[in-house]
Amino acid sequence: ILPYSIRAKGMTVVWFCIDAALFFNQYINPIALDNIGWKYYIFY
């Protein structure tokens, strides 16, 4: 869906959002699972 002139930059936005979400998930998930267990699933 991205035109050539902004394709690389647009995909960089996609990767940024993926990596930011991954960092949050990978750092927060084990802490949340240890502390509140299945109740953490309600957020999702």
PDB file of all heavy atoms in Angstrom:
ATOM      1  N   ILE A   1       0.814  -1.218   0.000  1.00  0.00           N
ATOM      2  CA  ILE A   1       0.000   0.000   0.000  1.00  0.00           C
ATOM      3  C   ILE A   1       0.847   1.268   0.000  1.00  0.00           C
ATOM      4  O   ILE A   1       0.319   2.369  -0.206  1.00  0.00           O
ATOM      5  CB  ILE A   1      -0.959   0.039   1.217  1.00  0.00           C
ATOM      6  CG1 ILE A   1      -0.179   0.149   2.525  1.00  0.00           C
ATOM      7  CG2 ILE A   1      -1.890  -1.159   1.209  1.00  0.00           C
ATOM      8  CD1 ILE A   1      -1.054   0.354   3.760  1.00  0.00           C
ATOM      9  N   LEU A   2       2.163   1.141   0.188  1.00  0.00           N
ATOM     10  CA  LEU A   2       3.041   2.305   0.277  1.00  0.00           C
ATOM     11  C   LEU A   2       3.642   2.658  -1.083  1.00  0.00           C
ATOM     12  O   LEU A   2       4.194   1.783  -1.762  1.00  0.00           O
ATOM     13  CB  LEU A   2       4.173   2.036   1.265  1.00  0.00           C
ATOM     14  CG  LEU A   2       3.755   1.879   2.729  1.00  0.00           C
ATOM     15  CD1 LEU A   2       4.854   1.193   3.530  1.00  0.00           C
ATOM     16  CD2 LEU A   2       3.427   3.249   3.337  1.00  0.00           C
ATOM     17  N   PRO A   3       3.574   3.924  -1.522  1.00  0.00           N
ATOM     18  CA  PRO A   3       4.239   4.350  -2.755  1.00  0.00           C
ATOM     19  C   PRO A   3       5.760   4.211  -2.618  1.00  0.00           C
ATOM     20  O   PRO A   3       6.282   4.203  -1.493  1.00  0.00           O
ATOM     21  CB  PRO A   3       3.847   5.822  -2.892  1.00  0.00           C
ATOM     22  CG  PRO A   3       2.681   6.010  -1.982  1.00  0.00           C
ATOM     23  CD  PRO A   3       2.855   5.033  -0.876  1.00  0.00           C
ATOM     24  N   TYR A   4       6.465   4.143  -3.733  1.00  0.00           N
ATOM     25  CA  TYR A   4       7.909   3.907  -3.689  1.00  0.00           C
ATOM     26  C   TYR A   4       8.627   4.932  -2.830  1.00  0.00           C
ATOM     27  O   TYR A   4       9.502   4.582  -2.029  1.00  0.00           O
ATOM     28  CB  TYR A   4       8.518   3.915  -5.100  1.00  0.00           C
ATOM     29  CG  TYR A   4      10.017   3.708  -5.052  1.00  0.00           C
ATOM     30  CD1 TYR A   4      10.546   2.422  -5.037  1.00  0.00           C
ATOM     31  CD2 TYR A   4      10.904   4.782  -4.962  1.00  0.00           C
ATOM     32  CE1 TYR A   4      11.909   2.209  -4.939  1.00  0.00           C
ATOM     33  CE2 TYR A   4      12.274   4.585  -4.859  1.00  0.00           C
ATOM     34  CZ  TYR A   4      12.774   3.294  -4.857  1.00  0.00           C
ATOM     35  OH  TYR A   4      14.114   3.088  -4.737  1.00  0.00           O
ATOM     36  N   SER A   5       8.284   6.215  -2.973  1.00  0.00           N
ATOM     37  CA  SER A   5       9.051   7.275  -2.305  1.00  0.00           C
ATOM     38  C   SER A   5       9.027   7.167  -0.784  1.00  0.00           C
ATOM     39  O   SER A   5       9.939   7.637  -0.110  1.00  0.00           O
ATOM     40  CB  SER A   5       8.532   8.654  -2.732  1.00  0.00           C
ATOM     41  OG  SER A   5       7.179   8.804  -2.343  1.00  0.00           O
ATOM     42  N   ILE A   6       7.976   6.540  -0.228  1.00  0.00           N
ATOM     43  CA  ILE A   6       7.895   6.413   1.235  1.00  0.00           C
ATOM     44  C   ILE A   6       7.832   4.947   1.671  1.00  0.00           C
ATOM     45  O   ILE A   6       7.544   4.662   2.834  1.00  0.00           O
ATOM     46  CB  ILE A   6       6.677   7.178   1.807  1.00  0.00           C
ATOM     47  CG1 ILE A   6       5.374   6.653   1.197  1.00  0.00           C
ATOM     48  CG2 ILE A   6       6.839   8.670   1.604  1.00  0.00           C
ATOM     49  CD1 ILE A   6       4.112   7.217   1.873  1.00  0.00           C
ATOM     50  N   ARG A   7       8.112   4.034   0.742  1.00  0.00           N
ATOM     51  CA  ARG A   7       7.970   2.608   1.078  1.00  0.00           C
ATOM     52  C   ARG A   7       8.940   2.188   2.174  1.00  0.00           C
ATOM     53  O   ARG A   7       8.549   1.522   3.138  1.00  0.00           O
ATOM     54  CB  ARG A   7       8.165   1.759  -0.181  1.00  0.00           C
ATOM     55  CG  ARG A   7       7.864   0.263   0.035  1.00  0.00           C
ATOM     56  CD  ARG A   7       7.765  -0.468  -1.295  1.00  0.00           C
ATOM     57  NE  ARG A   7       6.587  -0.012  -2.023  1.00  0.00           N
ATOM     58  CZ  ARG A   7       6.557   0.147  -3.348  1.00  0.00           C
ATOM     59  NH1 ARG A   7       7.624  -0.089  -4.074  1.00  0.00           N
ATOM     60  NH2 ARG A   7       5.437   0.542  -3.939  1.00  0.00           N
ATOM     61  N   ALA A   8      10.211   2.558   2.053  1.00  0.00           N
ATOM     62  CA  ALA A   8      11.198   2.162   3.066  1.00  0.00           C
ATOM     63  C   ALA A   8      10.888   2.810   4.410  1.00  0.00           C
ATOM     64  O   ALA A   8      10.975   2.168   5.462  1.00  0.00           O
ATOM     65  CB  ALA A   8      12.606   2.533   2.607  1.00  0.00           C
ATOM     66  N   LYS A   9      10.488   4.080   4.381  1.00  0.00           N
ATOM     67  CA  LYS A   9      10.180   4.783   5.632  1.00  0.00           C
ATOM     68  C   LYS A   9       8.897   4.248   6.254  1.00  0.00           C
ATOM     69  O   LYS A   9       8.782   4.108   7.475  1.00  0.00           O
ATOM     70  CB  LYS A   9      10.095   6.282   5.392  1.00  0.00           C
ATOM     71  CG  LYS A   9      11.445   6.929   5.070  1.00  0.00           C
ATOM     72  CD  LYS A   9      11.316   8.416   4.879  1.00  0.00           C
ATOM     73  CE  LYS A   9      12.694   9.071   4.729  1.00  0.00           C
ATOM     74  NZ  LYS A   9      13.414   8.597   3.541  1.00  0.00           N
ATOM     75  N   GLY A  10       7.900   3.970   5.417  1.00  0.00           N
ATOM     76  CA  GLY A  10       6.653   3.417   5.928  1.00  0.00           C
ATOM     77  C   GLY A  10       6.859   2.060   6.578  1.00  0.00           C
ATOM     78  O   GLY A  10       6.291   1.767   7.644  1.00  0.00           O
ATOM     79  N   MET A  11       7.683   1.212   5.946  1.00  0.00           N
ATOM     80  CA  MET A  11       7.960  -0.098   6.532  1.00  0.00           C
ATOM     81  C   MET A  11       8.795   0.035   7.808  1.00  0.00           C
ATOM     82  O   MET A  11       8.696  -0.794   8.710  1.00  0.00           O
ATOM     83  CB  MET A  11       8.675  -0.991   5.515  1.00  0.00           C
ATOM     84  CG  MET A  11       7.781  -1.482   4.382  1.00  0.00           C
ATOM     85  SD  MET A  11       6.257  -2.273   4.951  1.00  0.00           S
ATOM     86  CE  MET A  11       6.905  -3.721   5.793  1.00  0.00           C
ATOM     87  N   THR A  12       9.609   1.083   7.876  1.00  0.00           N
ATOM     88  CA  THR A  12      10.367   1.329   9.109  1.00  0.00           C
ATOM     89  C   THR A  12       9.415   1.632  10.258  1.00  0.00           C
ATOM     90  O   THR A  12       9.645   1.216  11.404  1.00  0.00           O
ATOM     91  CB  THR A  12      11.349   2.504   8.915  1.00  0.00           C
ATOM     92  OG1 THR A  12      12.272   2.169   7.863  1.00  0.00           O
ATOM     93  CG2 THR A  12      12.129   2.781  10.188  1.00  0.00           C
ATOM     94  N   VAL A  13       8.324   2.356   9.965  1.00  0.00           N
ATOM     95  CA  VAL A  13       7.299   2.612  10.981  1.00  0.00           C
ATOM     96  C   VAL A  13       6.681   1.287  11.444  1.00  0.00           C
ATOM     97  O   VAL A  13       6.456   1.077  12.643  1.00  0.00           O
ATOM     98  CB  VAL A  13       6.201   3.548  10.431  1.00  0.00           C
ATOM     99  CG1 VAL A  13       5.025   3.639  11.404  1.00  0.00           C
ATOM    100  CG2 VAL A  13       6.770   4.932  10.160  1.00  0.00           C
ATOM    101  N   VAL A  14       6.414   0.390  10.478  1.00  0.00           N
ATOM    102  CA  VAL A  14       5.860  -0.926  10.824  1.00  0.00           C
ATOM    103  C   VAL A  14       6.813  -1.665  11.748  1.00  0.00           C
ATOM    104  O   VAL A  14       6.419  -2.203  12.794  1.00  0.00           O
ATOM    105  CB  VAL A  14       5.599  -1.769   9.552  1.00  0.00           C
ATOM    106  CG1 VAL A  14       5.130  -3.171   9.936  1.00  0.00           C
ATOM    107  CG2 VAL A  14       4.558  -1.099   8.667  1.00  0.00           C
ATOM    108  N   TRP A  15       8.117  -1.705  11.373  1.00  0.00           N
ATOM    109  CA  TRP A  15       9.101  -2.428  12.192  1.00  0.00           C
ATOM    110  C   TRP A  15       9.259  -1.779  13.567  1.00  0.00           C
ATOM    111  O   TRP A  15       9.449  -2.472  14.571  1.00  0.00           O
ATOM    112  CB  TRP A  15      10.463  -2.468  11.484  1.00  0.00           C
ATOM    113  CG  TRP A  15      10.448  -3.112  10.140  1.00  0.00           C
ATOM    114  CD1 TRP A  15      10.973  -2.616   8.984  1.00  0.00           C
ATOM    115  CD2 TRP A  15       9.881  -4.389   9.781  1.00  0.00           C
ATOM    116  NE1 TRP A  15      10.768  -3.481   7.944  1.00  0.00           N
ATOM    117  CE2 TRP A  15      10.106  -4.569   8.398  1.00  0.00           C
ATOM    118  CE3 TRP A  15       9.192  -5.373  10.487  1.00  0.00           C
ATOM    119  CZ2 TRP A  15       9.666  -5.714   7.723  1.00  0.00           C
ATOM    120  CZ3 TRP A  15       8.761  -6.504   9.810  1.00  0.00           C
ATOM    121  CH2 TRP A  15       8.996  -6.663   8.450  1.00  0.00           C
ATOM    122  N   PHE A  16       9.182  -0.436  13.608  1.00  0.00           N
ATOM    123  CA  PHE A  16       9.280   0.247  14.905  1.00  0.00           C
ATOM    124  C   PHE A  16       8.142  -0.190  15.833  1.00  0.00           C
ATOM    125  O   PHE A  16       8.365  -0.486  17.015  1.00  0.00           O
ATOM    126  CB  PHE A  16       9.245   1.763  14.718  1.00  0.00           C
ATOM    127  CG  PHE A  16       9.160   2.527  16.017  1.00  0.00           C
ATOM    128  CD1 PHE A  16      10.296   2.758  16.771  1.00  0.00           C
ATOM    129  CD2 PHE A  16       7.929   2.982  16.499  1.00  0.00           C
ATOM    130  CE1 PHE A  16      10.224   3.438  17.982  1.00  0.00           C
ATOM    131  CE2 PHE A  16       7.848   3.656  17.705  1.00  0.00           C
ATOM    132  CZ  PHE A  16       8.999   3.879  18.441  1.00  0.00           C
ATOM    133  N   CYS A  17       6.934  -0.200  15.289  1.00  0.00           N
ATOM    134  CA  CYS A  17       5.774  -0.593  16.097  1.00  0.00           C
ATOM    135  C   CYS A  17       5.873  -2.058  16.529  1.00  0.00           C
ATOM    136  O   CYS A  17       5.514  -2.403  17.661  1.00  0.00           O
ATOM    137  CB  CYS A  17       4.482  -0.357  15.315  1.00  0.00           C
ATOM    138  SG  CYS A  17       4.133   1.392  15.025  1.00  0.00           S
ATOM    139  N   ILE A  18       6.357  -2.915  15.632  1.00  0.00           N
ATOM    140  CA  ILE A  18       6.542  -4.327  15.984  1.00  0.00           C
ATOM    141  C   ILE A  18       7.561  -4.469  17.100  1.00  0.00           C
ATOM    142  O   ILE A  18       7.329  -5.163  18.098  1.00  0.00           O
ATOM    143  CB  ILE A  18       6.991  -5.137  14.745  1.00  0.00           C
ATOM    144  CG1 ILE A  18       5.852  -5.257  13.736  1.00  0.00           C
ATOM    145  CG2 ILE A  18       7.481  -6.537  15.149  1.00  0.00           C
ATOM    146  CD1 ILE A  18       6.256  -5.885  12.418  1.00  0.00           C
ATOM    147  N   ASP A  19       8.712  -3.799  16.938  1.00  0.00           N
ATOM    148  CA  ASP A  19       9.787  -3.934  17.930  1.00  0.00           C
ATOM    149  C   ASP A  19       9.398  -3.312  19.264  1.00  0.00           C
ATOM    150  O   ASP A  19       9.735  -3.844  20.335  1.00  0.00           O
ATOM    151  CB  ASP A  19      11.070  -3.294  17.399  1.00  0.00           C
ATOM    152  CG  ASP A  19      11.667  -4.077  16.245  1.00  0.00           C
ATOM    153  OD1 ASP A  19      11.503  -5.310  16.230  1.00  0.00           O
ATOM    154  OD2 ASP A  19      12.295  -3.468  15.357  1.00  0.00           O
ATOM    155  N   ALA A  20       8.692  -2.173  19.210  1.00  0.00           N
ATOM    156  CA  ALA A  20       8.243  -1.541  20.456  1.00  0.00           C
ATOM    157  C   ALA A  20       7.264  -2.457  21.190  1.00  0.00           C
ATOM    158  O   ALA A  20       7.343  -2.625  22.411  1.00  0.00           O
ATOM    159  CB  ALA A  20       7.593  -0.194  20.164  1.00  0.00           C
ATOM    160  N   ALA A  21       6.337  -3.050  20.425  1.00  0.00           N
ATOM    161  CA  ALA A  21       5.372  -3.972  21.026  1.00  0.00           C
ATOM    162  C   ALA A  21       6.064  -5.215  21.566  1.00  0.00           C
ATOM    163  O   ALA A  21       5.725  -5.717  22.641  1.00  0.00           O
ATOM    164  CB  ALA A  21       4.310  -4.357  19.997  1.00  0.00           C
ATOM    165  N   LEU A  22       7.040  -5.724  20.809  1.00  0.00           N
ATOM    166  CA  LEU A  22       7.786  -6.901  21.259  1.00  0.00           C
ATOM    167  C   LEU A  22       8.565  -6.616  22.532  1.00  0.00           C
ATOM    168  O   LEU A  22       8.581  -7.436  23.460  1.00  0.00           O
ATOM    169  CB  LEU A  22       8.754  -7.357  20.158  1.00  0.00           C
ATOM    170  CG  LEU A  22       8.178  -8.224  19.040  1.00  0.00           C
ATOM    171  CD1 LEU A  22       9.212  -8.422  17.949  1.00  0.00           C
ATOM    172  CD2 LEU A  22       7.705  -9.561  19.573  1.00  0.00           C
ATOM    173  N   PHE A  23       9.214  -5.450  22.577  1.00  0.00           N
ATOM    174  CA  PHE A  23       9.982  -5.103  23.764  1.00  0.00           C
ATOM    175  C   PHE A  23       9.070  -5.030  24.983  1.00  0.00           C
ATOM    176  O   PHE A  23       9.382  -5.571  26.054  1.00  0.00           O
ATOM    177  CB  PHE A  23      10.702  -3.768  23.572  1.00  0.00           C
ATOM    178  CG  PHE A  23      11.505  -3.344  24.781  1.00  0.00           C
ATOM    179  CD1 PHE A  23      12.732  -3.913  25.044  1.00  0.00           C
ATOM    180  CD2 PHE A  23      10.998  -2.404  25.668  1.00  0.00           C
ATOM    181  CE1 PHE A  23      13.467  -3.542  26.166  1.00  0.00           C
ATOM    182  CE2 PHE A  23      11.715  -2.022  26.792  1.00  0.00           C
ATOM    183  CZ  PHE A  23      12.955  -2.594  27.035  1.00  0.00           C
ATOM    184  N   PHE A  24       7.925  -4.389  24.813  1.00  0.00           N
ATOM    185  CA  PHE A  24       6.961  -4.300  25.914  1.00  0.00           C
ATOM    186  C   PHE A  24       6.509  -5.696  26.338  1.00  0.00           C
ATOM    187  O   PHE A  24       6.498  -6.037  27.524  1.00  0.00           O
ATOM    188  CB  PHE A  24       5.752  -3.466  25.478  1.00  0.00           C
ATOM    189  CG  PHE A  24       4.654  -3.409  26.501  1.00  0.00           C
ATOM    190  CD1 PHE A  24       4.660  -2.442  27.490  1.00  0.00           C
ATOM    191  CD2 PHE A  24       3.608  -4.330  26.472  1.00  0.00           C
ATOM    192  CE1 PHE A  24       3.643  -2.386  28.441  1.00  0.00           C
ATOM    193  CE2 PHE A  24       2.592  -4.293  27.419  1.00  0.00           C
ATOM    194  CZ  PHE A  24       2.606  -3.316  28.400  1.00  0.00           C
ATOM    195  N   ASN A  25       6.120  -6.504  25.334  1.00  0.00           N
ATOM    196  CA  ASN A  25       5.635  -7.855  25.627  1.00  0.00           C
ATOM    197  C   ASN A  25       6.683  -8.705  26.330  1.00  0.00           C
ATOM    198  O   ASN A  25       6.410  -9.380  27.321  1.00  0.00           O
ATOM    199  CB  ASN A  25       5.218  -8.555  24.327  1.00  0.00           C
ATOM    200  CG  ASN A  25       3.832  -8.131  23.884  1.00  0.00           C
ATOM    201  OD1 ASN A  25       3.097  -7.508  24.638  1.00  0.00           O
ATOM    202  ND2 ASN A  25       3.478  -8.468  22.664  1.00  0.00           N
ATOM    203  N   GLN A  26       7.883  -8.695  25.770  1.00  0.00           N
ATOM    204  CA  GLN A  26       8.922  -9.593  26.270  1.00  0.00           C
ATOM    205  C   GLN A  26       9.416  -9.190  27.654  1.00  0.00           C
ATOM    206  O   GLN A  26       9.842 -10.047  28.434  1.00  0.00           O
ATOM    207  CB  GLN A  26      10.086  -9.630  25.270  1.00  0.00           C
ATOM    208  CG  GLN A  26       9.707 -10.297  23.963  1.00  0.00           C
ATOM    209  CD  GLN A  26      10.650  -9.939  22.825  1.00  0.00           C
ATOM    210  OE1 GLN A  26      11.526  -9.086  22.963  1.00  0.00           O
ATOM    211  NE2 GLN A  26      10.477 -10.575  21.690  1.00  0.00           N
ATOM    212  N   TYR A  27       9.335  -7.905  27.957  1.00  0.00           N
ATOM    213  CA  TYR A  27       9.795  -7.444  29.266  1.00  0.00           C
ATOM    214  C   TYR A  27       8.684  -7.509  30.308  1.00  0.00           C
ATOM    215  O   TYR A  27       8.901  -7.902  31.456  1.00  0.00           O
ATOM    216  CB  TYR A  27      10.341  -6.014  29.163  1.00  0.00           C
ATOM    217  CG  TYR A  27      11.044  -5.557  30.421  1.00  0.00           C
ATOM    218  CD1 TYR A  27      12.256  -6.126  30.811  1.00  0.00           C
ATOM    219  CD2 TYR A  27      10.489  -4.574  31.224  1.00  0.00           C
ATOM    220  CE1 TYR A  27      12.897  -5.725  31.968  1.00  0.00           C
ATOM    221  CE2 TYR A  27      11.127  -4.159  32.384  1.00  0.00           C
ATOM    222  CZ  TYR A  27      12.332  -4.747  32.753  1.00  0.00           C
ATOM    223  OH  TYR A  27      12.958  -4.351  33.899  1.00  0.00           O
ATOM    224  N   ILE A  28       7.472  -7.121  29.894  1.00  0.00           N
ATOM    225  CA  ILE A  28       6.349  -7.041  30.834  1.00  0.00           C
ATOM    226  C   ILE A  28       5.669  -8.389  31.037  1.00  0.00           C
ATOM    227  O   ILE A  28       5.242  -8.731  32.151  1.00  0.00           O
ATOM    228  CB  ILE A  28       5.315  -5.998  30.359  1.00  0.00           C
ATOM    229  CG1 ILE A  28       5.948  -4.601  30.307  1.00  0.00           C
ATOM    230  CG2 ILE A  28       4.080  -6.001  31.260  1.00  0.00           C
ATOM    231  CD1 ILE A  28       6.446  -4.109  31.654  1.00  0.00           C
ATOM    232  N   ASN A  29       5.536  -9.190  29.965  1.00  0.00           N
ATOM    233  CA  ASN A  29       4.774 -10.435  30.063  1.00  0.00           C
ATOM    234  C   ASN A  29       5.213 -11.358  31.201  1.00  0.00           C
ATOM    235  O   ASN A  29       4.368 -11.843  31.962  1.00  0.00           O
ATOM    236  CB  ASN A  29       4.812 -11.194  28.734  1.00  0.00           C
ATOM    237  CG  ASN A  29       3.838 -10.614  27.719  1.00  0.00           C
ATOM    238  OD1 ASN A  29       2.963  -9.830  28.064  1.00  0.00           O
ATOM    239  ND2 ASN A  29       3.992 -10.996  26.467  1.00  0.00           N
ATOM    240  N   PRO A  30       6.527 -11.658  31.336  1.00  0.00           N
ATOM    241  CA  PRO A  30       6.905 -12.574  32.424  1.00  0.00           C
ATOM    242  C   PRO A  30       6.627 -12.002  33.813  1.00  0.00           C
ATOM    243  O   PRO A  30       6.280 -12.741  34.737  1.00  0.00           O
ATOM    244  CB  PRO A  30       8.411 -12.782  32.209  1.00  0.00           C
ATOM    245  CG  PRO A  30       8.865 -11.586  31.452  1.00  0.00           C
ATOM    246  CD  PRO A  30       7.705 -11.236  30.561  1.00  0.00           C
ATOM    247  N   ILE A  31       6.748 -10.657  33.943  1.00  0.00           N
ATOM    248  CA  ILE A  31       6.468 -10.019  35.229  1.00  0.00           C
ATOM    249  C   ILE A  31       4.981 -10.116  35.541  1.00  0.00           C
ATOM    250  O   ILE A  31       4.573 -10.457  36.659  1.00  0.00           O
ATOM    251  CB  ILE A  31       6.925  -8.546  35.206  1.00  0.00           C
ATOM    252  CG1 ILE A  31       8.441  -8.459  34.965  1.00  0.00           C
ATOM    253  CG2 ILE A  31       6.538  -7.848  36.514  1.00  0.00           C
ATOM    254  CD1 ILE A  31       8.949  -7.041  34.772  1.00  0.00           C
ATOM    255  N   ALA A  32       4.136  -9.819  34.525  1.00  0.00           N
ATOM    256  CA  ALA A  32       2.682  -9.871  34.710  1.00  0.00           C
ATOM    257  C   ALA A  32       2.214 -11.298  34.993  1.00  0.00           C
ATOM    258  O   ALA A  32       1.358 -11.517  35.861  1.00  0.00           O
ATOM    259  CB  ALA A  32       1.978  -9.322  33.474  1.00  0.00           C
ATOM    260  N   LEU A  33       2.780 -12.261  34.270  1.00  0.00           N
ATOM    261  CA  LEU A  33       2.384 -13.660  34.480  1.00  0.00           C
ATOM    262  C   LEU A  33       2.761 -14.131  35.877  1.00  0.00           C
ATOM    263  O   LEU A  33       2.024 -14.900  36.509  1.00  0.00           O
ATOM    264  CB  LEU A  33       3.031 -14.553  33.418  1.00  0.00           C
ATOM    265  CG  LEU A  33       2.486 -14.407  31.991  1.00  0.00           C
ATOM    266  CD1 LEU A  33       3.352 -15.189  31.004  1.00  0.00           C
ATOM    267  CD2 LEU A  33       1.040 -14.887  31.905  1.00  0.00           C
ATOM    268  N   ASP A  34       3.929 -13.690  36.363  1.00  0.00           N
ATOM    269  CA  ASP A  34       4.362 -14.077  37.714  1.00  0.00           C
ATOM    270  C   ASP A  34       3.461 -13.485  38.790  1.00  0.00           C
ATOM    271  O   ASP A  34       3.248 -14.101  39.840  1.00  0.00           O
ATOM    272  CB  ASP A  34       5.809 -13.632  37.960  1.00  0.00           C
ATOM    273  CG  ASP A  34       6.822 -14.527  37.250  1.00  0.00           C
ATOM    274  OD1 ASP A  34       6.436 -15.639  36.854  1.00  0.00           O
ATOM    275  OD2 ASP A  34       7.985 -14.102  37.103  1.00  0.00           O
ATOM    276  N   ASN A  35       2.926 -12.287  38.542  1.00  0.00           N
ATOM    277  CA  ASN A  35       2.201 -11.567  39.589  1.00  0.00           C
ATOM    278  C   ASN A  35       0.678 -11.723  39.554  1.00  0.00           C
ATOM    279  O   ASN A  35       0.047 -11.820  40.615  1.00  0.00           O
ATOM    280  CB  ASN A  35       2.554 -10.071  39.536  1.00  0.00           C
ATOM    281  CG  ASN A  35       3.952  -9.795  40.042  1.00  0.00           C
ATOM    282  OD1 ASN A  35       4.182  -9.691  41.247  1.00  0.00           O
ATOM    283  ND2 ASN A  35       4.910  -9.674  39.140  1.00  0.00           N
ATOM    284  N   ILE A  36       0.099 -11.735  38.362  1.00  0.00           N
ATOM    285  CA  ILE A  36      -1.374 -11.816  38.308  1.00  0.00           C
ATOM    286  C   ILE A  36      -1.885 -13.009  37.508  1.00  0.00           C
ATOM    287  O   ILE A  36      -3.088 -13.206  37.396  1.00  0.00           O
ATOM    288  CB  ILE A  36      -1.992 -10.509  37.752  1.00  0.00           C
ATOM    289  CG1 ILE A  36      -1.475 -10.212  36.340  1.00  0.00           C
ATOM    290  CG2 ILE A  36      -1.715  -9.357  38.683  1.00  0.00           C
ATOM    291  CD1 ILE A  36      -2.131  -8.978  35.722  1.00  0.00           C
ATOM    292  N   GLY A  37      -0.987 -13.788  36.897  1.00  0.00           N
ATOM    293  CA  GLY A  37      -1.388 -15.021  36.231  1.00  0.00           C
ATOM    294  C   GLY A  37      -2.415 -14.819  35.131  1.00  0.00           C
ATOM    295  O   GLY A  37      -2.303 -13.898  34.316  1.00  0.00           O
ATOM    296  N   TRP A  38      -3.475 -15.660  35.148  1.00  0.00           N
ATOM    297  CA  TRP A  38      -4.463 -15.647  34.065  1.00  0.00           C
ATOM    298  C   TRP A  38      -5.222 -14.322  33.967  1.00  0.00           C
ATOM    299  O   TRP A  38      -5.756 -13.990  32.889  1.00  0.00           O
ATOM    300  CB  TRP A  38      -5.461 -16.787  34.256  1.00  0.00           C
ATOM    301  CG  TRP A  38      -6.346 -16.646  35.463  1.00  0.00           C
ATOM    302  CD1 TRP A  38      -6.144 -17.159  36.704  1.00  0.00           C
ATOM    303  CD2 TRP A  38      -7.585 -15.913  35.526  1.00  0.00           C
ATOM    304  NE1 TRP A  38      -7.157 -16.805  37.547  1.00  0.00           N
ATOM    305  CE2 TRP A  38      -8.077 -16.037  36.858  1.00  0.00           C
ATOM    306  CE3 TRP A  38      -8.326 -15.176  34.619  1.00  0.00           C
ATOM    307  CZ2 TRP A  38      -9.257 -15.455  37.277  1.00  0.00           C
ATOM    308  CZ3 TRP A  38      -9.511 -14.579  35.035  1.00  0.00           C
ATOM    309  CH2 TRP A  38      -9.967 -14.722  36.351  1.00  0.00           C
ATOM    310  N   LYS A  39      -5.284 -13.546  35.017  1.00  0.00           N
ATOM    311  CA  LYS A  39      -6.014 -12.270  34.977  1.00  0.00           C
ATOM    312  C   LYS A  39      -5.398 -11.306  33.954  1.00  0.00           C
ATOM    313  O   LYS A  39      -6.082 -10.400  33.450  1.00  0.00           O
ATOM    314  CB  LYS A  39      -6.035 -11.622  36.370  1.00  0.00           C
ATOM    315  CG  LYS A  39      -6.786 -12.436  37.423  1.00  0.00           C
ATOM    316  CD  LYS A  39      -6.769 -11.720  38.768  1.00  0.00           C
ATOM    317  CE  LYS A  39      -7.476 -12.532  39.842  1.00  0.00           C
ATOM    318  NZ  LYS A  39      -6.727 -13.766  40.183  1.00  0.00           N
ATOM    319  N   TYR A  40      -4.131 -11.527  33.647  1.00  0.00           N
ATOM    320  CA  TYR A  40      -3.455 -10.688  32.654  1.00  0.00           C
ATOM    321  C   TYR A  40      -4.074 -10.881  31.276  1.00  0.00           C
ATOM    322  O   TYR A  40      -4.030  -9.982  30.433  1.00  0.00           O
ATOM    323  CB  TYR A  40      -1.967 -11.056  32.630  1.00  0.00           C
ATOM    324  CG  TYR A  40      -1.114 -10.236  31.693  1.00  0.00           C
ATOM    325  CD1 TYR A  40      -1.203  -8.851  31.643  1.00  0.00           C
ATOM    326  CD2 TYR A  40      -0.191 -10.855  30.855  1.00  0.00           C
ATOM    327  CE1 TYR A  40      -0.408  -8.104  30.792  1.00  0.00           C
ATOM    328  CE2 TYR A  40       0.617 -10.125  30.002  1.00  0.00           C
ATOM    329  CZ  TYR A  40       0.507  -8.750  29.965  1.00  0.00           C
ATOM    330  OH  TYR A  40       1.298  -8.021  29.126  1.00  0.00           O
ATOM    331  N   TYR A  41      -4.680 -12.047  31.032  1.00  0.00           N
ATOM    332  CA  TYR A  41      -5.284 -12.335  29.731  1.00  0.00           C
ATOM    333  C   TYR A  41      -6.471 -11.418  29.426  1.00  0.00           C
ATOM    334  O   TYR A  41      -6.808 -11.201  28.263  1.00  0.00           O
ATOM    335  CB  TYR A  41      -5.761 -13.789  29.658  1.00  0.00           C
ATOM    336  CG  TYR A  41      -4.716 -14.845  29.922  1.00  0.00           C
ATOM    337  CD1 TYR A  41      -5.087 -16.148  30.234  1.00  0.00           C
ATOM    338  CD2 TYR A  41      -3.355 -14.555  29.851  1.00  0.00           C
ATOM    339  CE1 TYR A  41      -4.134 -17.135  30.475  1.00  0.00           C
ATOM    340  CE2 TYR A  41      -2.394 -15.521  30.093  1.00  0.00           C
ATOM    341  CZ  TYR A  41      -2.794 -16.814  30.413  1.00  0.00           C
ATOM    342  OH  TYR A  41      -1.856 -17.781  30.651  1.00  0.00           O
ATOM    343  N   ILE A  42      -7.108 -10.906  30.473  1.00  0.00           N
ATOM    344  CA  ILE A  42      -8.289 -10.051  30.270  1.00  0.00           C
ATOM    345  C   ILE A  42      -7.930  -8.812  29.446  1.00  0.00           C
ATOM    346  O   ILE A  42      -8.711  -8.338  28.614  1.00  0.00           O
ATOM    347  CB  ILE A  42      -8.892  -9.644  31.633  1.00  0.00           C
ATOM    348  CG1 ILE A  42      -9.389 -10.888  32.375  1.00  0.00           C
ATOM    349  CG2 ILE A  42     -10.032  -8.639  31.450  1.00  0.00           C
ATOM    350  CD1 ILE A  42      -9.852 -10.619  33.797  1.00  0.00           C
ATOM    351  N   PHE A  43      -6.724  -8.286  29.677  1.00  0.00           N
ATOM    352  CA  PHE A  43      -6.272  -7.121  28.900  1.00  0.00           C
ATOM    353  C   PHE A  43      -6.305  -7.416  27.403  1.00  0.00           C
ATOM    354  O   PHE A  43      -6.764  -6.593  26.600  1.00  0.00           O
ATOM    355  CB  PHE A  43      -4.848  -6.730  29.321  1.00  0.00           C
ATOM    356  CG  PHE A  43      -4.155  -5.823  28.338  1.00  0.00           C
ATOM    357  CD1 PHE A  43      -4.463  -4.483  28.258  1.00  0.00           C
ATOM    358  CD2 PHE A  43      -3.204  -6.338  27.452  1.00  0.00           C
ATOM    359  CE1 PHE A  43      -3.834  -3.645  27.340  1.00  0.00           C
ATOM    360  CE2 PHE A  43      -2.574  -5.519  26.530  1.00  0.00           C
ATOM    361  CZ  PHE A  43      -2.886  -4.173  26.472  1.00  0.00           C
ATOM    362  N   TYR A  44      -5.827  -8.604  27.021  1.00  0.00           N
ATOM    363  CA  TYR A  44      -5.784  -8.949  25.601  1.00  0.00           C
ATOM    364  C   TYR A  44      -7.178  -9.181  25.030  1.00  0.00           C
ATOM    365  O   TYR A  44      -7.410  -8.919  23.842  1.00  0.00           O
ATOM    366  CB  TYR A  44      -4.907 -10.185  25.395  1.00  0.00           C
ATOM    367  CG  TYR A  44      -3.432  -9.891  25.571  1.00  0.00           C
ATOM    368  CD1 TYR A  44      -2.726 -10.376  26.665  1.00  0.00           C
ATOM    369  CD2 TYR A  44      -2.746  -9.112  24.651  1.00  0.00           C
ATOM    370  CE1 TYR A  44      -1.380 -10.098  26.836  1.00  0.00           C
ATOM    371  CE2 TYR A  44      -1.404  -8.815  24.808  1.00  0.00           C
ATOM    372  CZ  TYR A  44      -0.722  -9.311  25.904  1.00  0.00           C
ATOM    373  OH  TYR A  44       0.613  -9.022  26.071  1.00  0.00           O
TER     374      TYR A  44
END
